[in-house]
Each structure stands twice: as C-alpha cells, then as structure tokens.
mmCIF file of all heavy atoms, coordinates in Angstrom:
data_MODEL
# 
_entry.id   MODEL 
# 
loop_
_atom_site.group_PDB 
_atom_site.id 
_atom_site.type_symbol 
_atom_site.label_atom_id 
_atom_site.label_alt_id 
_atom_site.label_comp_id 
_atom_site.label_asym_id 
_atom_site.label_entity_id 
_atom_site.label_seq_id 
_atom_site.pdbx_PDB_ins_code 
_atom_site.Cartn_x 
_atom_site.Cartn_y 
_atom_site.Cartn_z 
_atom_site.occupancy 
_atom_site.B_iso_or_equiv 
_atom_site.pdbx_formal_charge 
_atom_site.auth_seq_id 
_atom_site.auth_comp_id 
_atom_site.auth_asym_id 
_atom_site.auth_atom_id 
_atom_site.pdbx_PDB_model_num 
ATOM 1   N N   . GLY A 1 1  ? 0.826  -1.218 -0.025  1.00 0.00 ? 1  GLY A N   1 
ATOM 2   C CA  . GLY A 1 1  ? 0.039  0.014  -0.002  1.00 0.00 ? 1  GLY A CA  1 
ATOM 3   C C   . GLY A 1 1  ? 0.858  1.226  -0.012  1.00 0.00 ? 1  GLY A C   1 
ATOM 4   O O   . GLY A 1 1  ? 0.572  2.223  -0.693  1.00 0.00 ? 1  GLY A O   1 
ATOM 5   N N   . LYS A 1 2  ? 1.948  1.182  0.762   1.00 0.00 ? 2  LYS A N   1 
ATOM 6   C CA  . LYS A 1 2  ? 2.814  2.335  0.857   1.00 0.00 ? 2  LYS A CA  1 
ATOM 7   C C   . LYS A 1 2  ? 3.518  2.610  -0.515  1.00 0.00 ? 2  LYS A C   1 
ATOM 8   O O   . LYS A 1 2  ? 3.566  3.771  -0.962  1.00 0.00 ? 2  LYS A O   1 
ATOM 9   C CB  . LYS A 1 2  ? 3.927  2.078  1.893   1.00 0.00 ? 2  LYS A CB  1 
ATOM 10  C CG  . LYS A 1 2  ? 5.018  3.146  2.045   1.00 0.00 ? 2  LYS A CG  1 
ATOM 11  C CD  . LYS A 1 2  ? 4.418  4.433  2.431   1.00 0.00 ? 2  LYS A CD  1 
ATOM 12  C CE  . LYS A 1 2  ? 5.527  5.498  2.506   1.00 0.00 ? 2  LYS A CE  1 
ATOM 13  N NZ  . LYS A 1 2  ? 4.989  6.831  2.850   1.00 0.00 ? 2  LYS A NZ  1 
ATOM 14  N N   . VAL A 1 3  ? 4.038  1.600  -1.127  1.00 0.00 ? 3  VAL A N   1 
ATOM 15  C CA  . VAL A 1 3  ? 4.690  1.738  -2.440  1.00 0.00 ? 3  VAL A CA  1 
ATOM 16  C C   . VAL A 1 3  ? 3.710  2.189  -3.504  1.00 0.00 ? 3  VAL A C   1 
ATOM 17  O O   . VAL A 1 3  ? 3.989  3.095  -4.255  1.00 0.00 ? 3  VAL A O   1 
ATOM 18  C CB  . VAL A 1 3  ? 5.389  0.458  -2.880  1.00 0.00 ? 3  VAL A CB  1 
ATOM 19  C CG1 . VAL A 1 3  ? 5.882  0.548  -4.280  1.00 0.00 ? 3  VAL A CG1 1 
ATOM 20  C CG2 . VAL A 1 3  ? 6.519  0.117  -1.932  1.00 0.00 ? 3  VAL A CG2 1 
ATOM 21  N N   . PHE A 1 4  ? 2.531  1.567  -3.476  1.00 0.00 ? 4  PHE A N   1 
ATOM 22  C CA  . PHE A 1 4  ? 1.456  1.931  -4.451  1.00 0.00 ? 4  PHE A CA  1 
ATOM 23  C C   . PHE A 1 4  ? 1.141  3.442  -4.328  1.00 0.00 ? 4  PHE A C   1 
ATOM 24  O O   . PHE A 1 4  ? 1.013  4.152  -5.313  1.00 0.00 ? 4  PHE A O   1 
ATOM 25  C CB  . PHE A 1 4  ? 0.168  1.119  -4.205  1.00 0.00 ? 4  PHE A CB  1 
ATOM 26  C CG  . PHE A 1 4  ? -0.963 1.567  -5.016  1.00 0.00 ? 4  PHE A CG  1 
ATOM 27  C CD1 . PHE A 1 4  ? -1.105 1.216  -6.334  1.00 0.00 ? 4  PHE A CD1 1 
ATOM 28  C CD2 . PHE A 1 4  ? -1.953 2.380  -4.479  1.00 0.00 ? 4  PHE A CD2 1 
ATOM 29  C CE1 . PHE A 1 4  ? -2.171 1.614  -7.103  1.00 0.00 ? 4  PHE A CE1 1 
ATOM 30  C CE2 . PHE A 1 4  ? -3.010 2.762  -5.206  1.00 0.00 ? 4  PHE A CE2 1 
ATOM 31  C CZ  . PHE A 1 4  ? -3.172 2.405  -6.510  1.00 0.00 ? 4  PHE A CZ  1 
ATOM 32  N N   . LEU A 1 5  ? 0.999  3.910  -3.020  1.00 0.00 ? 5  LEU A N   1 
ATOM 33  C CA  . LEU A 1 5  ? 0.633  5.329  -2.796  1.00 0.00 ? 5  LEU A CA  1 
ATOM 34  C C   . LEU A 1 5  ? 1.717  6.232  -3.290  1.00 0.00 ? 5  LEU A C   1 
ATOM 35  O O   . LEU A 1 5  ? 1.495  7.268  -3.891  1.00 0.00 ? 5  LEU A O   1 
ATOM 36  C CB  . LEU A 1 5  ? 0.342  5.512  -1.348  1.00 0.00 ? 5  LEU A CB  1 
ATOM 37  C CG  . LEU A 1 5  ? -0.149 6.954  -0.943  1.00 0.00 ? 5  LEU A CG  1 
ATOM 38  C CD1 . LEU A 1 5  ? -1.403 7.308  -1.666  1.00 0.00 ? 5  LEU A CD1 1 
ATOM 39  C CD2 . LEU A 1 5  ? -0.301 6.985  0.517   1.00 0.00 ? 5  LEU A CD2 1 
ATOM 40  N N   . SER A 1 6  ? 2.978  5.835  -3.009  1.00 0.00 ? 6  SER A N   1 
ATOM 41  C CA  . SER A 1 6  ? 4.128  6.673  -3.421  1.00 0.00 ? 6  SER A CA  1 
ATOM 42  C C   . SER A 1 6  ? 4.235  6.782  -4.956  1.00 0.00 ? 6  SER A C   1 
ATOM 43  O O   . SER A 1 6  ? 4.398  7.850  -5.521  1.00 0.00 ? 6  SER A O   1 
ATOM 44  C CB  . SER A 1 6  ? 5.395  6.153  -2.870  1.00 0.00 ? 6  SER A CB  1 
ATOM 45  O OG  . SER A 1 6  ? 5.427  6.165  -1.421  1.00 0.00 ? 6  SER A OG  1 
ATOM 46  N N   . VAL A 1 7  ? 4.081  5.658  -5.635  1.00 0.00 ? 7  VAL A N   1 
ATOM 47  C CA  . VAL A 1 7  ? 4.119  5.584  -7.111  1.00 0.00 ? 7  VAL A CA  1 
ATOM 48  C C   . VAL A 1 7  ? 2.962  6.427  -7.709  1.00 0.00 ? 7  VAL A C   1 
ATOM 49  O O   . VAL A 1 7  ? 3.102  7.154  -8.622  1.00 0.00 ? 7  VAL A O   1 
ATOM 50  C CB  . VAL A 1 7  ? 4.157  4.151  -7.655  1.00 0.00 ? 7  VAL A CB  1 
ATOM 51  C CG1 . VAL A 1 7  ? 3.987  4.208  -9.159  1.00 0.00 ? 7  VAL A CG1 1 
ATOM 52  C CG2 . VAL A 1 7  ? 5.412  3.456  -7.226  1.00 0.00 ? 7  VAL A CG2 1 
ATOM 53  N N   . PHE A 1 8  ? 1.784  6.262  -7.124  1.00 0.00 ? 8  PHE A N   1 
ATOM 54  C CA  . PHE A 1 8  ? 0.602  7.001  -7.565  1.00 0.00 ? 8  PHE A CA  1 
ATOM 55  C C   . PHE A 1 8  ? 0.810  8.473  -7.410  1.00 0.00 ? 8  PHE A C   1 
ATOM 56  O O   . PHE A 1 8  ? 0.477  9.241  -8.320  1.00 0.00 ? 8  PHE A O   1 
ATOM 57  C CB  . PHE A 1 8  ? -0.674 6.541  -6.774  1.00 0.00 ? 8  PHE A CB  1 
ATOM 58  C CG  . PHE A 1 8  ? -1.909 7.406  -7.053  1.00 0.00 ? 8  PHE A CG  1 
ATOM 59  C CD1 . PHE A 1 8  ? -2.618 7.130  -8.187  1.00 0.00 ? 8  PHE A CD1 1 
ATOM 60  C CD2 . PHE A 1 8  ? -2.248 8.357  -6.162  1.00 0.00 ? 8  PHE A CD2 1 
ATOM 61  C CE1 . PHE A 1 8  ? -3.726 7.876  -8.509  1.00 0.00 ? 8  PHE A CE1 1 
ATOM 62  C CE2 . PHE A 1 8  ? -3.369 9.164  -6.501  1.00 0.00 ? 8  PHE A CE2 1 
ATOM 63  C CZ  . PHE A 1 8  ? -4.182 8.905  -7.602  1.00 0.00 ? 8  PHE A CZ  1 
ATOM 64  N N   . ARG A 1 9  ? 1.431  8.889  -6.245  1.00 0.00 ? 9  ARG A N   1 
ATOM 65  C CA  . ARG A 1 9  ? 1.730  10.332 -6.105  1.00 0.00 ? 9  ARG A CA  1 
ATOM 66  C C   . ARG A 1 9  ? 2.659  10.873 -7.121  1.00 0.00 ? 9  ARG A C   1 
ATOM 67  O O   . ARG A 1 9  ? 2.426  11.897 -7.675  1.00 0.00 ? 9  ARG A O   1 
ATOM 68  C CB  . ARG A 1 9  ? 2.326  10.456 -4.674  1.00 0.00 ? 9  ARG A CB  1 
ATOM 69  C CG  . ARG A 1 9  ? 1.395  10.866 -3.577  1.00 0.00 ? 9  ARG A CG  1 
ATOM 70  C CD  . ARG A 1 9  ? 1.975  11.825 -2.669  1.00 0.00 ? 9  ARG A CD  1 
ATOM 71  N NE  . ARG A 1 9  ? 1.227  11.859 -1.453  1.00 0.00 ? 9  ARG A NE  1 
ATOM 72  C CZ  . ARG A 1 9  ? 1.544  11.188 -0.336  1.00 0.00 ? 9  ARG A CZ  1 
ATOM 73  N NH1 . ARG A 1 9  ? 2.531  10.381 -0.362  1.00 0.00 ? 9  ARG A NH1 1 
ATOM 74  N NH2 . ARG A 1 9  ? 0.781  11.302 0.714   1.00 0.00 ? 9  ARG A NH2 1 
ATOM 75  N N   . ILE A 1 10 ? 3.690  10.089 -7.451  1.00 0.00 ? 10 ILE A N   1 
ATOM 76  C CA  . ILE A 1 10 ? 4.652  10.547 -8.430  1.00 0.00 ? 10 ILE A CA  1 
ATOM 77  C C   . ILE A 1 10 ? 3.994  10.743 -9.781  1.00 0.00 ? 10 ILE A C   1 
ATOM 78  O O   . ILE A 1 10 ? 4.240  11.688 -10.519 1.00 0.00 ? 10 ILE A O   1 
ATOM 79  C CB  . ILE A 1 10 ? 5.857  9.514  -8.514  1.00 0.00 ? 10 ILE A CB  1 
ATOM 80  C CG1 . ILE A 1 10 ? 6.668  9.566  -7.197  1.00 0.00 ? 10 ILE A CG1 1 
ATOM 81  C CG2 . ILE A 1 10 ? 6.753  9.873  -9.707  1.00 0.00 ? 10 ILE A CG2 1 
ATOM 82  C CD1 . ILE A 1 10 ? 7.694  8.485  -7.106  1.00 0.00 ? 10 ILE A CD1 1 
ATOM 83  N N   . ILE A 1 11 ? 3.136  9.750  -10.197 1.00 0.00 ? 11 ILE A N   1 
ATOM 84  C CA  . ILE A 1 11 ? 2.448  9.810  -11.465 1.00 0.00 ? 11 ILE A CA  1 
ATOM 85  C C   . ILE A 1 11 ? 1.504  11.025 -11.455 1.00 0.00 ? 11 ILE A C   1 
ATOM 86  O O   . ILE A 1 11 ? 1.446  11.784 -12.423 1.00 0.00 ? 11 ILE A O   1 
ATOM 87  C CB  . ILE A 1 11 ? 1.678  8.500  -11.758 1.00 0.00 ? 11 ILE A CB  1 
ATOM 88  C CG1 . ILE A 1 11 ? 2.688  7.353  -11.962 1.00 0.00 ? 11 ILE A CG1 1 
ATOM 89  C CG2 . ILE A 1 11 ? 0.823  8.695  -12.947 1.00 0.00 ? 11 ILE A CG2 1 
ATOM 90  C CD1 . ILE A 1 11 ? 1.981  6.012  -12.006 1.00 0.00 ? 11 ILE A CD1 1 
ATOM 91  N N   . ALA A 1 12 ? 0.801  11.190 -10.336 1.00 0.00 ? 12 ALA A N   1 
ATOM 92  C CA  . ALA A 1 12 ? -0.106 12.357 -10.223 1.00 0.00 ? 12 ALA A CA  1 
ATOM 93  C C   . ALA A 1 12 ? 0.594  13.673 -10.341 1.00 0.00 ? 12 ALA A C   1 
ATOM 94  O O   . ALA A 1 12 ? 0.171  14.619 -10.997 1.00 0.00 ? 12 ALA A O   1 
ATOM 95  C CB  . ALA A 1 12 ? -0.849 12.302 -8.856  1.00 0.00 ? 12 ALA A CB  1 
ATOM 96  N N   . VAL A 1 13 ? 1.779  13.786 -9.713  1.00 0.00 ? 13 VAL A N   1 
ATOM 97  C CA  . VAL A 1 13 ? 2.587  15.063 -9.763  1.00 0.00 ? 13 VAL A CA  1 
ATOM 98  C C   . VAL A 1 13 ? 2.994  15.334 -11.185 1.00 0.00 ? 13 VAL A C   1 
ATOM 99  O O   . VAL A 1 13 ? 2.941  16.500 -11.623 1.00 0.00 ? 13 VAL A O   1 
ATOM 100 C CB  . VAL A 1 13 ? 3.751  14.999 -8.808  1.00 0.00 ? 13 VAL A CB  1 
ATOM 101 C CG1 . VAL A 1 13 ? 4.790  16.084 -9.145  1.00 0.00 ? 13 VAL A CG1 1 
ATOM 102 C CG2 . VAL A 1 13 ? 3.275  15.173 -7.378  1.00 0.00 ? 13 VAL A CG2 1 
ATOM 103 N N   . ILE A 1 14 ? 3.435  14.313 -11.907 1.00 0.00 ? 14 ILE A N   1 
ATOM 104 C CA  . ILE A 1 14 ? 3.842  14.495 -13.263 1.00 0.00 ? 14 ILE A CA  1 
ATOM 105 C C   . ILE A 1 14 ? 2.644  14.959 -14.108 1.00 0.00 ? 14 ILE A C   1 
ATOM 106 O O   . ILE A 1 14 ? 2.740  15.881 -14.909 1.00 0.00 ? 14 ILE A O   1 
ATOM 107 C CB  . ILE A 1 14 ? 4.374  13.155 -13.865 1.00 0.00 ? 14 ILE A CB  1 
ATOM 108 C CG1 . ILE A 1 14 ? 5.709  12.784 -13.194 1.00 0.00 ? 14 ILE A CG1 1 
ATOM 109 C CG2 . ILE A 1 14 ? 4.584  13.292 -15.399 1.00 0.00 ? 14 ILE A CG2 1 
ATOM 110 C CD1 . ILE A 1 14 ? 6.194  11.429 -13.585 1.00 0.00 ? 14 ILE A CD1 1 
ATOM 111 N N   . GLY A 1 15 ? 1.444  14.370 -13.874 1.00 0.00 ? 15 GLY A N   1 
ATOM 112 C CA  . GLY A 1 15 ? 0.252  14.718 -14.610 1.00 0.00 ? 15 GLY A CA  1 
ATOM 113 C C   . GLY A 1 15 ? -0.141 16.197 -14.224 1.00 0.00 ? 15 GLY A C   1 
ATOM 114 O O   . GLY A 1 15 ? -0.534 16.933 -15.160 1.00 0.00 ? 15 GLY A O   1 
ATOM 115 N N   . ILE A 1 16 ? -0.107 16.532 -13.005 1.00 0.00 ? 16 ILE A N   1 
ATOM 116 C CA  . ILE A 1 16 ? -0.514 17.856 -12.580 1.00 0.00 ? 16 ILE A CA  1 
ATOM 117 C C   . ILE A 1 16 ? 0.516  18.901 -13.145 1.00 0.00 ? 16 ILE A C   1 
ATOM 118 O O   . ILE A 1 16 ? 0.061  19.994 -13.577 1.00 0.00 ? 16 ILE A O   1 
ATOM 119 C CB  . ILE A 1 16 ? -0.541 17.988 -11.043 1.00 0.00 ? 16 ILE A CB  1 
ATOM 120 C CG1 . ILE A 1 16 ? -1.653 17.058 -10.469 1.00 0.00 ? 16 ILE A CG1 1 
ATOM 121 C CG2 . ILE A 1 16 ? -0.819 19.432 -10.593 1.00 0.00 ? 16 ILE A CG2 1 
ATOM 122 C CD1 . ILE A 1 16 ? -1.586 16.947 -8.997  1.00 0.00 ? 16 ILE A CD1 1 
ATOM 123 N N   . GLY A 1 17 ? 1.753  18.561 -13.144 1.00 0.00 ? 17 GLY A N   1 
ATOM 124 C CA  . GLY A 1 17 ? 2.783  19.460 -13.755 1.00 0.00 ? 17 GLY A CA  1 
ATOM 125 C C   . GLY A 1 17 ? 2.506  19.646 -15.213 1.00 0.00 ? 17 GLY A C   1 
ATOM 126 O O   . GLY A 1 17 ? 2.655  20.839 -15.697 1.00 0.00 ? 17 GLY A O   1 
ATOM 127 N N   . TRP A 1 18 ? 2.199  18.597 -15.890 1.00 0.00 ? 18 TRP A N   1 
ATOM 128 C CA  . TRP A 1 18 ? 1.911  18.737 -17.341 1.00 0.00 ? 18 TRP A CA  1 
ATOM 129 C C   . TRP A 1 18 ? 0.670  19.666 -17.549 1.00 0.00 ? 18 TRP A C   1 
ATOM 130 O O   . TRP A 1 18 ? 0.680  20.513 -18.468 1.00 0.00 ? 18 TRP A O   1 
ATOM 131 C CB  . TRP A 1 18 ? 1.658  17.379 -17.979 1.00 0.00 ? 18 TRP A CB  1 
ATOM 132 C CG  . TRP A 1 18 ? 1.200  17.351 -19.387 1.00 0.00 ? 18 TRP A CG  1 
ATOM 133 C CD1 . TRP A 1 18 ? 2.021  17.427 -20.516 1.00 0.00 ? 18 TRP A CD1 1 
ATOM 134 C CD2 . TRP A 1 18 ? -0.127 17.376 -19.866 1.00 0.00 ? 18 TRP A CD2 1 
ATOM 135 N NE1 . TRP A 1 18 ? 1.257  17.359 -21.652 1.00 0.00 ? 18 TRP A NE1 1 
ATOM 136 C CE2 . TRP A 1 18 ? -0.059 17.383 -21.277 1.00 0.00 ? 18 TRP A CE2 1 
ATOM 137 C CE3 . TRP A 1 18 ? -1.340 17.317 -19.249 1.00 0.00 ? 18 TRP A CE3 1 
ATOM 138 C CZ2 . TRP A 1 18 ? -1.186 17.363 -22.072 1.00 0.00 ? 18 TRP A CZ2 1 
ATOM 139 C CZ3 . TRP A 1 18 ? -2.538 17.327 -20.060 1.00 0.00 ? 18 TRP A CZ3 1 
ATOM 140 C CH2 . TRP A 1 18 ? -2.435 17.353 -21.469 1.00 0.00 ? 18 TRP A CH2 1 
ATOM 141 N N   . TYR A 1 19 ? -0.354 19.466 -16.730 1.00 0.00 ? 19 TYR A N   1 
ATOM 142 C CA  . TYR A 1 19 ? -1.568 20.236 -16.814 1.00 0.00 ? 19 TYR A CA  1 
ATOM 143 C C   . TYR A 1 19 ? -1.234 21.732 -16.525 1.00 0.00 ? 19 TYR A C   1 
ATOM 144 O O   . TYR A 1 19 ? -1.726 22.661 -17.237 1.00 0.00 ? 19 TYR A O   1 
ATOM 145 C CB  . TYR A 1 19 ? -2.590 19.743 -15.859 1.00 0.00 ? 19 TYR A CB  1 
ATOM 146 C CG  . TYR A 1 19 ? -3.917 20.419 -15.823 1.00 0.00 ? 19 TYR A CG  1 
ATOM 147 C CD1 . TYR A 1 19 ? -4.681 20.602 -17.033 1.00 0.00 ? 19 TYR A CD1 1 
ATOM 148 C CD2 . TYR A 1 19 ? -4.435 21.029 -14.664 1.00 0.00 ? 19 TYR A CD2 1 
ATOM 149 C CE1 . TYR A 1 19 ? -5.879 21.266 -16.984 1.00 0.00 ? 19 TYR A CE1 1 
ATOM 150 C CE2 . TYR A 1 19 ? -5.619 21.698 -14.664 1.00 0.00 ? 19 TYR A CE2 1 
ATOM 151 C CZ  . TYR A 1 19 ? -6.369 21.796 -15.800 1.00 0.00 ? 19 TYR A CZ  1 
ATOM 152 O OH  . TYR A 1 19 ? -7.530 22.443 -15.830 1.00 0.00 ? 19 TYR A OH  1 
ATOM 153 N N   . LEU A 1 20 ? -0.377 21.955 -15.524 1.00 0.00 ? 20 LEU A N   1 
ATOM 154 C CA  . LEU A 1 20 ? -0.018 23.330 -15.136 1.00 0.00 ? 20 LEU A CA  1 
ATOM 155 C C   . LEU A 1 20 ? 0.664  24.036 -16.323 1.00 0.00 ? 20 LEU A C   1 
ATOM 156 O O   . LEU A 1 20 ? 0.272  25.194 -16.610 1.00 0.00 ? 20 LEU A O   1 
ATOM 157 C CB  . LEU A 1 20 ? 0.877  23.332 -13.919 1.00 0.00 ? 20 LEU A CB  1 
ATOM 158 C CG  . LEU A 1 20 ? 1.367  24.659 -13.416 1.00 0.00 ? 20 LEU A CG  1 
ATOM 159 C CD1 . LEU A 1 20 ? 0.267  25.569 -12.968 1.00 0.00 ? 20 LEU A CD1 1 
ATOM 160 C CD2 . LEU A 1 20 ? 2.459  24.461 -12.326 1.00 0.00 ? 20 LEU A CD2 1 
ATOM 161 N N   . VAL A 1 21 ? 1.634  23.367 -16.935 1.00 0.00 ? 21 VAL A N   1 
ATOM 162 C CA  . VAL A 1 21 ? 2.336  24.027 -18.026 1.00 0.00 ? 21 VAL A CA  1 
ATOM 163 C C   . VAL A 1 21 ? 1.357  24.317 -19.189 1.00 0.00 ? 21 VAL A C   1 
ATOM 164 O O   . VAL A 1 21 ? 1.446  25.327 -19.825 1.00 0.00 ? 21 VAL A O   1 
ATOM 165 C CB  . VAL A 1 21 ? 3.483  23.100 -18.505 1.00 0.00 ? 21 VAL A CB  1 
ATOM 166 C CG1 . VAL A 1 21 ? 4.118  23.664 -19.807 1.00 0.00 ? 21 VAL A CG1 1 
ATOM 167 C CG2 . VAL A 1 21 ? 4.560  22.963 -17.371 1.00 0.00 ? 21 VAL A CG2 1 
ATOM 168 N N   . ASN A 1 22 ? 0.484  23.385 -19.454 1.00 0.00 ? 22 ASN A N   1 
ATOM 169 C CA  . ASN A 1 22 ? -0.484 23.547 -20.553 1.00 0.00 ? 22 ASN A CA  1 
ATOM 170 C C   . ASN A 1 22 ? -1.448 24.736 -20.250 1.00 0.00 ? 22 ASN A C   1 
ATOM 171 O O   . ASN A 1 22 ? -1.867 25.466 -21.199 1.00 0.00 ? 22 ASN A O   1 
ATOM 172 C CB  . ASN A 1 22 ? -1.281 22.299 -20.825 1.00 0.00 ? 22 ASN A CB  1 
ATOM 173 C CG  . ASN A 1 22 ? -0.520 21.370 -21.806 1.00 0.00 ? 22 ASN A CG  1 
ATOM 174 O OD1 . ASN A 1 22 ? -0.712 21.473 -22.997 1.00 0.00 ? 22 ASN A OD1 1 
ATOM 175 N ND2 . ASN A 1 22 ? 0.317  20.544 -21.278 1.00 0.00 ? 22 ASN A ND2 1 
ATOM 176 N N   . LEU A 1 23 ? -1.818 24.878 -19.000 1.00 0.00 ? 23 LEU A N   1 
ATOM 177 C CA  . LEU A 1 23 ? -2.689 25.989 -18.614 1.00 0.00 ? 23 LEU A CA  1 
ATOM 178 C C   . LEU A 1 23 ? -2.028 27.336 -18.911 1.00 0.00 ? 23 LEU A C   1 
ATOM 179 O O   . LEU A 1 23 ? -2.650 28.291 -19.436 1.00 0.00 ? 23 LEU A O   1 
ATOM 180 C CB  . LEU A 1 23 ? -3.051 25.933 -17.128 1.00 0.00 ? 23 LEU A CB  1 
ATOM 181 C CG  . LEU A 1 23 ? -4.078 24.929 -16.739 1.00 0.00 ? 23 LEU A CG  1 
ATOM 182 C CD1 . LEU A 1 23 ? -4.240 24.899 -15.193 1.00 0.00 ? 23 LEU A CD1 1 
ATOM 183 C CD2 . LEU A 1 23 ? -5.446 25.214 -17.351 1.00 0.00 ? 23 LEU A CD2 1 
ATOM 184 N N   . THR A 1 24 ? -0.718 27.437 -18.639 1.00 0.00 ? 24 THR A N   1 
ATOM 185 C CA  . THR A 1 24 ? 0.001  28.713 -18.918 1.00 0.00 ? 24 THR A CA  1 
ATOM 186 C C   . THR A 1 24 ? 0.119  28.960 -20.372 1.00 0.00 ? 24 THR A C   1 
ATOM 187 O O   . THR A 1 24 ? 0.151  30.100 -20.809 1.00 0.00 ? 24 THR A O   1 
ATOM 188 C CB  . THR A 1 24 ? 1.417  28.613 -18.188 1.00 0.00 ? 24 THR A CB  1 
ATOM 189 O OG1 . THR A 1 24 ? 2.182  27.565 -18.747 1.00 0.00 ? 24 THR A OG1 1 
ATOM 190 C CG2 . THR A 1 24 ? 1.254  28.507 -16.692 1.00 0.00 ? 24 THR A CG2 1 
ATOM 191 N N   . LYS A 1 25 ? 0.318  27.888 -21.159 1.00 0.00 ? 25 LYS A N   1 
ATOM 192 C CA  . LYS A 1 25 ? 0.402  28.071 -22.630 1.00 0.00 ? 25 LYS A CA  1 
ATOM 193 C C   . LYS A 1 25 ? -0.890 28.537 -23.190 1.00 0.00 ? 25 LYS A C   1 
ATOM 194 O O   . LYS A 1 25 ? -0.934 29.263 -24.230 1.00 0.00 ? 25 LYS A O   1 
ATOM 195 C CB  . LYS A 1 25 ? 0.771  26.707 -23.287 1.00 0.00 ? 25 LYS A CB  1 
ATOM 196 C CG  . LYS A 1 25 ? 2.214  26.311 -23.004 1.00 0.00 ? 25 LYS A CG  1 
ATOM 197 C CD  . LYS A 1 25 ? 2.548  24.994 -23.662 1.00 0.00 ? 25 LYS A CD  1 
ATOM 198 C CE  . LYS A 1 25 ? 3.981  24.548 -23.452 1.00 0.00 ? 25 LYS A CE  1 
ATOM 199 N NZ  . LYS A 1 25 ? 4.301  23.272 -24.095 1.00 0.00 ? 25 LYS A NZ  1 
ATOM 200 N N   . LYS A 1 26 ? -2.055 28.205 -22.595 1.00 0.00 ? 26 LYS A N   1 
ATOM 201 C CA  . LYS A 1 26 ? -3.314 28.571 -23.111 1.00 0.00 ? 26 LYS A CA  1 
ATOM 202 C C   . LYS A 1 26 ? -3.776 29.853 -22.510 1.00 0.00 ? 26 LYS A C   1 
ATOM 203 O O   . LYS A 1 26 ? -4.960 30.328 -22.750 1.00 0.00 ? 26 LYS A O   1 
ATOM 204 C CB  . LYS A 1 26 ? -4.378 27.491 -22.824 1.00 0.00 ? 26 LYS A CB  1 
ATOM 205 C CG  . LYS A 1 26 ? -4.153 26.177 -23.540 1.00 0.00 ? 26 LYS A CG  1 
ATOM 206 C CD  . LYS A 1 26 ? -5.332 25.220 -23.415 1.00 0.00 ? 26 LYS A CD  1 
ATOM 207 C CE  . LYS A 1 26 ? -5.639 24.884 -22.012 1.00 0.00 ? 26 LYS A CE  1 
ATOM 208 N NZ  . LYS A 1 26 ? -6.737 23.938 -21.889 1.00 0.00 ? 26 LYS A NZ  1 
ATOM 209 N N   . ASP A 1 27 ? -2.982 30.556 -21.736 1.00 0.00 ? 27 ASP A N   1 
ATOM 210 C CA  . ASP A 1 27 ? -3.332 31.805 -21.013 1.00 0.00 ? 27 ASP A CA  1 
ATOM 211 C C   . ASP A 1 27 ? -4.571 31.648 -20.148 1.00 0.00 ? 27 ASP A C   1 
ATOM 212 O O   . ASP A 1 27 ? -5.490 32.451 -20.218 1.00 0.00 ? 27 ASP A O   1 
ATOM 213 C CB  . ASP A 1 27 ? -3.554 32.936 -22.023 1.00 0.00 ? 27 ASP A CB  1 
ATOM 214 C CG  . ASP A 1 27 ? -2.212 33.384 -22.681 1.00 0.00 ? 27 ASP A CG  1 
ATOM 215 O OD1 . ASP A 1 27 ? -1.183 33.341 -22.010 1.00 0.00 ? 27 ASP A OD1 1 
ATOM 216 O OD2 . ASP A 1 27 ? -2.259 33.719 -23.880 1.00 0.00 ? 27 ASP A OD2 1 
# 
C-alpha cells in the first residue's frame, strides 16, 4: 500500500505538472 501510494503520487505530480504548463500556454 505504501509503495502503491508513493508511485501513484509521483504519477499524479507528473500529470499535474503537465496540466499546469499547458494552462499557462493557453493563457
């Protein structure tokens, strides 16, 4: 459960980071 949560967090952060950059590109 601990490893799953950590890996899920890392994937989520990558996804949120991608979304953040795209938001700025779209003003």
